[in-house]
Amino acid sequence: MDIVRRNNVTVTGNPQGRPVVLAHGFGCDQNMWRLTLPALVDDYRVVLFDYVGSGRSDPAAFSEVRYASLTGYAQDVVEVCEALDLRDAVFVGHSVSAMIGVLAADLAPERIGAHVMVAPSPRYIDDDDYPGGFSADDIDELLVSLESNYLGWSAVMAPVIMGNADRPELGEELKNSFCATDPDMARVFARTTFLSDSRDDLKGVRAPTLVLECAQDVIAPREVGAFVHAAIPGSTLVTLDATGHCPHLSAPDATNEAIRSFLAELR
């Protein structure tokens, strides 16, 4: 299989630089990193891709069985890294991709040597003393709404997820990204994302890790950021002066500064 075509892989930046892999979240594609790219291309070899079912990936490669778990997406990440012979890459994962990166690093630790987790959440559902941000009923209602009327769900939820009500163009962009995703494939990715529980996987992370959280985020509240930081030994937690779940779009300067500072410390 042509992995590069399957995942619409793009490689840019400094060929001699350390590899940095930018991984988008649910309902998005690699274009969501366009404001981060200029901050990295001079010094790093930057790899972008689309998960199968997203962006300009090959829809023929979609498998409901494979992508019913985060491991299926993690296997794709490993295969992209192998196809490009990436070693010791920095994996920058937004939202659920942060957890996909953890699984990929466990599968192929020689390929991924550091993590940047942008608004990560290892579990979205509250559990005993763990505040995931949603009740089980909340997630059930979200998934039922998504599956019954995906376009309507996108129109309602995109502005909520993005935040920044005073900048409606941001919510509109996210809505358009959601709506460009095949509804059946989005349904699978949504269930895989919102029903996942990767808390135990965090305990095995030993690579240098930056956890970026937003000051206000309805999808991954600060209690979740604190949990991720506490679960990963030696990790660094940075709270961005940003609102919403997509700081690389809503607060790119602050996001890029935090990422570049972390990368500089890895040298």
Protein backbone atom coordinates (compact mmCIF):
# COMPACT_ATOMS: atom_id res chain seq x y z
CA MET A 1 0.00 0.00 0.00
CA ASP A 2 1.20 3.50 -0.81
CA ILE A 3 1.28 4.95 2.71
CA VAL A 4 2.08 8.44 1.46
CA ARG A 5 -1.00 8.47 -0.73
CA ARG A 6 -3.17 6.72 1.85
CA ASN A 7 -2.56 9.42 4.44
CA ASN A 8 -1.92 12.34 2.07
CA VAL A 9 1.53 12.79 3.59
CA THR A 10 3.31 16.12 3.13
CA VAL A 11 6.97 16.65 4.01
CA THR A 12 8.42 20.15 4.20
CA GLY A 13 10.92 22.26 6.09
CA ASN A 14 14.62 21.66 6.75
CA PRO A 15 15.68 18.21 5.44
CA GLN A 16 18.51 18.15 7.98
CA GLY A 17 16.33 19.11 10.93
CA ARG A 18 14.84 16.86 13.56
CA PRO A 19 11.54 15.39 12.35
CA VAL A 20 8.38 16.98 13.75
CA VAL A 21 5.10 15.21 12.99
CA LEU A 22 1.95 17.34 13.19
CA ALA A 23 -1.19 15.27 13.82
CA HIS A 24 -4.70 16.75 13.63
CA GLY A 25 -7.69 15.94 15.81
CA PHE A 26 -11.18 14.59 15.12
CA GLY A 27 -12.99 16.16 12.18
CA CYS A 28 -9.94 18.10 11.06
CA ASP A 29 -7.07 17.71 8.60
CA GLN A 30 -3.48 18.84 8.18
CA ASN A 31 -4.55 22.30 7.04
CA MET A 32 -5.35 23.08 10.68
CA TRP A 33 -1.58 23.39 11.25
CA ARG A 34 -1.02 26.09 8.65
CA LEU A 35 -0.38 28.78 11.29
CA THR A 36 2.13 26.56 13.09
CA LEU A 37 4.07 25.51 10.01
CA PRO A 38 5.93 28.83 9.47
CA ALA A 39 7.31 28.64 13.01
CA LEU A 40 8.92 25.25 12.35
CA VAL A 41 10.03 24.94 8.72
CA ASP A 42 13.35 26.78 9.04
CA ASP A 43 14.75 24.44 11.66
CA TYR A 44 12.79 21.18 11.47
CA ARG A 45 11.76 18.56 8.97
CA VAL A 46 7.99 18.81 9.27
CA VAL A 47 5.65 15.96 8.39
CA LEU A 48 1.91 16.46 8.00
CA PHE A 49 -0.72 13.87 7.17
CA ASP A 50 -4.44 13.17 7.23
CA TYR A 51 -5.90 10.25 9.13
CA VAL A 52 -7.82 7.84 6.91
CA GLY A 53 -11.32 9.25 6.63
CA SER A 54 -10.13 12.84 7.00
CA GLY A 55 -8.91 15.52 4.62
CA ARG A 56 -7.51 14.22 1.36
CA SER A 57 -6.66 10.73 2.61
CA ASP A 58 -7.61 7.72 0.50
CA PRO A 59 -11.19 6.76 1.46
CA ALA A 60 -10.68 3.31 -0.05
CA ALA A 61 -8.27 2.57 2.80
CA PHE A 62 -10.95 3.04 5.45
CA SER A 63 -11.77 0.03 7.63
CA GLU A 64 -14.39 0.28 10.35
CA VAL A 65 -12.74 -2.63 12.17
CA ARG A 66 -9.26 -1.08 12.12
CA TYR A 67 -10.39 2.37 13.14
CA ALA A 68 -12.76 1.26 15.87
CA SER A 69 -9.82 1.66 18.25
CA LEU A 70 -7.13 4.29 18.66
CA THR A 71 -4.56 1.57 18.00
CA GLY A 72 -5.65 1.49 14.36
CA TYR A 73 -4.80 5.16 13.98
CA ALA A 74 -1.55 4.63 15.90
CA GLN A 75 -0.58 1.87 13.48
CA ASP A 76 -1.06 4.33 10.63
CA VAL A 77 1.27 6.79 12.38
CA VAL A 78 3.93 4.11 12.76
CA GLU A 79 3.59 3.12 9.10
CA VAL A 80 4.00 6.75 8.02
CA CYS A 81 7.12 7.04 10.18
CA GLU A 82 8.50 3.81 8.74
CA ALA A 83 7.78 4.86 5.17
CA LEU A 84 9.73 8.09 5.71
CA ASP A 85 12.31 6.37 7.95
CA LEU A 86 11.68 8.88 10.73
CA ARG A 87 13.65 8.36 13.92
CA ASP A 88 13.42 10.22 17.21
CA ALA A 89 10.61 12.39 15.84
CA VAL A 90 8.69 14.88 17.94
CA PHE A 91 5.01 14.00 17.73
CA VAL A 92 2.73 17.03 18.04
CA GLY A 93 -0.78 15.72 18.58
CA HIS A 94 -3.92 17.81 18.91
CA SER A 95 -6.73 16.52 21.12
CA VAL A 96 -7.22 12.77 20.62
CA SER A 97 -4.05 12.66 18.53
CA ALA A 98 -2.02 13.21 21.69
CA MET A 99 -3.19 9.79 22.87
CA ILE A 100 -2.69 8.27 19.43
CA GLY A 101 0.90 9.50 19.64
CA VAL A 102 1.36 7.75 22.99
CA LEU A 103 0.17 4.48 21.47
CA ALA A 104 2.35 4.93 18.38
CA ALA A 105 5.42 5.57 20.52
CA ASP A 106 4.68 2.39 22.47
CA LEU A 107 4.49 0.44 19.21
CA ALA A 108 7.69 1.93 17.79
CA PRO A 109 9.69 3.81 20.45
CA GLU A 110 12.63 4.34 18.10
CA ARG A 111 10.40 6.39 15.80
CA ILE A 112 8.98 8.88 18.34
CA GLY A 113 11.30 10.50 20.86
CA ALA A 114 9.20 13.32 22.32
CA HIS A 115 5.60 14.47 22.60
CA VAL A 116 3.79 17.79 22.38
CA MET A 117 0.21 17.30 23.51
CA VAL A 118 -2.09 20.12 22.45
CA ALA A 119 -5.33 20.13 24.50
CA PRO A 120 -5.08 16.40 25.23
CA SER A 121 -7.69 14.24 26.89
CA PRO A 122 -7.11 10.58 27.81
CA ARG A 123 -10.80 10.12 28.68
CA TYR A 124 -13.75 12.40 28.00
CA ILE A 125 -16.19 10.79 30.42
CA ASP A 126 -16.12 11.51 34.16
CA ASP A 127 -15.11 8.51 36.26
CA ASP A 128 -15.17 8.51 40.07
CA ASP A 129 -12.63 11.20 41.01
CA TYR A 130 -11.54 11.76 37.39
CA PRO A 131 -13.13 14.87 35.83
CA GLY A 132 -13.24 14.14 32.11
CA GLY A 133 -15.60 17.02 31.42
CA PHE A 134 -18.65 14.99 30.33
CA SER A 135 -21.05 12.55 31.92
CA ALA A 136 -21.74 9.24 30.19
CA ASP A 137 -25.18 10.59 29.27
CA ASP A 138 -23.58 13.69 27.74
CA ILE A 139 -21.43 11.56 25.46
CA ASP A 140 -24.33 9.27 24.55
CA GLU A 141 -26.40 12.30 23.53
CA LEU A 142 -23.48 13.75 21.59
CA LEU A 143 -22.98 10.53 19.62
CA VAL A 144 -26.69 10.05 18.95
CA SER A 145 -26.94 13.61 17.65
CA LEU A 146 -23.84 13.19 15.50
CA GLU A 147 -25.04 9.92 14.01
CA SER A 148 -28.58 11.09 13.31
CA ASN A 149 -27.71 14.45 11.73
CA TYR A 150 -23.99 14.92 11.24
CA LEU A 151 -24.23 18.22 9.35
CA GLY A 152 -26.58 19.68 11.94
CA TRP A 153 -24.35 18.43 14.75
CA SER A 154 -21.35 20.06 13.07
CA ALA A 155 -23.11 23.41 12.78
CA VAL A 156 -24.03 23.39 16.46
CA MET A 157 -20.90 21.87 17.98
CA ALA A 158 -18.10 23.48 15.97
CA PRO A 159 -18.53 26.96 17.54
CA VAL A 160 -18.78 25.37 21.00
CA ILE A 161 -15.59 23.37 20.51
CA MET A 162 -13.72 26.29 19.00
CA GLY A 163 -14.89 28.85 21.58
CA ASN A 164 -14.02 32.48 20.82
CA ALA A 165 -17.59 33.54 20.09
CA ASP A 166 -16.28 37.00 19.25
CA ARG A 167 -14.41 35.46 16.29
CA PRO A 168 -17.14 33.48 14.51
CA GLU A 169 -14.90 32.84 11.52
CA LEU A 170 -12.96 30.32 13.62
CA GLY A 171 -16.06 28.30 14.42
CA GLU A 172 -17.10 28.51 10.78
CA GLU A 173 -13.76 27.05 9.69
CA LEU A 174 -14.09 24.15 12.07
CA LYS A 175 -17.68 23.54 10.96
CA ASN A 176 -16.57 23.45 7.33
CA SER A 177 -13.82 20.99 8.25
CA PHE A 178 -16.32 18.74 10.03
CA CYS A 179 -18.74 18.93 7.12
CA ALA A 180 -16.02 17.95 4.64
CA THR A 181 -15.58 14.64 6.45
CA ASP A 182 -17.57 11.63 5.29
CA PRO A 183 -20.35 11.17 7.90
CA ASP A 184 -19.94 7.39 8.14
CA MET A 185 -16.19 7.67 8.69
CA ALA A 186 -16.71 10.54 11.13
CA ARG A 187 -19.15 8.39 13.10
CA VAL A 188 -16.48 5.73 13.60
CA PHE A 189 -13.77 8.23 14.56
CA ALA A 190 -16.15 10.00 16.94
CA ARG A 191 -17.05 6.81 18.79
CA THR A 192 -13.40 5.80 18.93
CA THR A 193 -12.47 9.23 20.27
CA PHE A 194 -15.18 9.98 22.80
CA LEU A 195 -15.44 6.46 24.23
CA SER A 196 -11.69 5.94 24.57
CA ASP A 197 -9.84 5.62 27.86
CA SER A 198 -6.06 6.05 27.56
CA ARG A 199 -5.33 6.97 31.16
CA ASP A 200 -3.28 3.87 31.88
CA ASP A 201 -1.23 4.39 28.71
CA LEU A 202 0.08 7.68 30.07
CA LYS A 203 1.93 5.90 32.84
CA GLY A 204 4.31 4.32 30.33
CA VAL A 205 5.38 7.58 28.69
CA ARG A 206 9.07 8.21 29.33
CA ALA A 207 9.90 10.53 26.47
CA PRO A 208 10.11 14.29 27.07
CA THR A 209 6.56 15.64 26.97
CA LEU A 210 4.99 19.09 26.76
CA VAL A 211 1.33 19.34 27.76
CA LEU A 212 -0.37 22.43 26.36
CA GLU A 213 -3.74 23.31 27.84
CA CYS A 214 -6.00 26.31 27.29
CA ALA A 215 -7.18 28.58 30.08
CA GLN A 216 -10.77 27.78 29.01
CA ASP A 217 -11.63 24.62 27.08
CA VAL A 218 -14.99 22.85 27.29
CA ILE A 219 -13.61 19.68 25.67
CA ALA A 220 -10.43 19.30 27.73
CA PRO A 221 -10.82 21.40 30.90
CA ARG A 222 -7.82 22.29 33.02
CA GLU A 223 -8.46 19.44 35.43
CA VAL A 224 -7.70 17.10 32.53
CA GLY A 225 -4.48 18.90 31.71
CA ALA A 226 -3.43 18.60 35.33
CA PHE A 227 -4.20 14.86 35.25
CA VAL A 228 -2.13 14.29 32.10
CA HIS A 229 0.77 16.28 33.54
CA ALA A 230 0.69 14.34 36.81
CA ALA A 231 0.46 10.99 35.01
CA ILE A 232 3.54 11.53 32.81
CA PRO A 233 6.78 11.65 34.81
CA GLY A 234 8.87 14.73 34.11
CA SER A 235 6.34 16.32 31.77
CA THR A 236 5.99 20.08 31.39
CA LEU A 237 2.58 21.74 31.66
CA VAL A 238 1.96 25.11 30.00
CA THR A 239 -1.38 26.90 30.31
CA LEU A 240 -1.96 29.07 27.27
CA ASP A 241 -3.82 32.34 27.52
CA ALA A 242 -6.31 30.94 25.04
CA THR A 243 -9.98 30.00 24.83
CA GLY A 244 -11.40 26.94 23.13
CA HIS A 245 -10.06 23.58 22.06
CA CYS A 246 -7.93 24.62 19.07
CA PRO A 247 -5.23 27.04 20.28
CA HIS A 248 -3.12 26.48 17.17
CA LEU A 249 -5.89 28.37 15.34
CA SER A 250 -7.20 30.75 17.99
CA ALA A 251 -3.87 31.64 19.66
CA PRO A 252 -1.15 30.59 17.20
CA ASP A 253 1.57 32.93 18.49
CA ALA A 254 1.37 31.64 22.06
CA THR A 255 1.06 28.04 20.87
CA ASN A 256 4.03 28.33 18.53
CA GLU A 257 6.18 30.01 21.16
CA ALA A 258 5.51 27.20 23.63
CA ILE A 259 6.26 24.52 21.05
CA ARG A 260 9.46 26.18 19.84
CA SER A 261 10.71 26.69 23.40
CA PHE A 262 10.15 23.02 24.16
CA LEU A 263 11.86 21.91 20.94
CA ALA A 264 14.85 24.14 21.68
CA GLU A 265 15.28 22.48 25.07
CA LEU A 266 15.43 19.05 23.40
CA ARG A 267 18.57 19.89 21.44
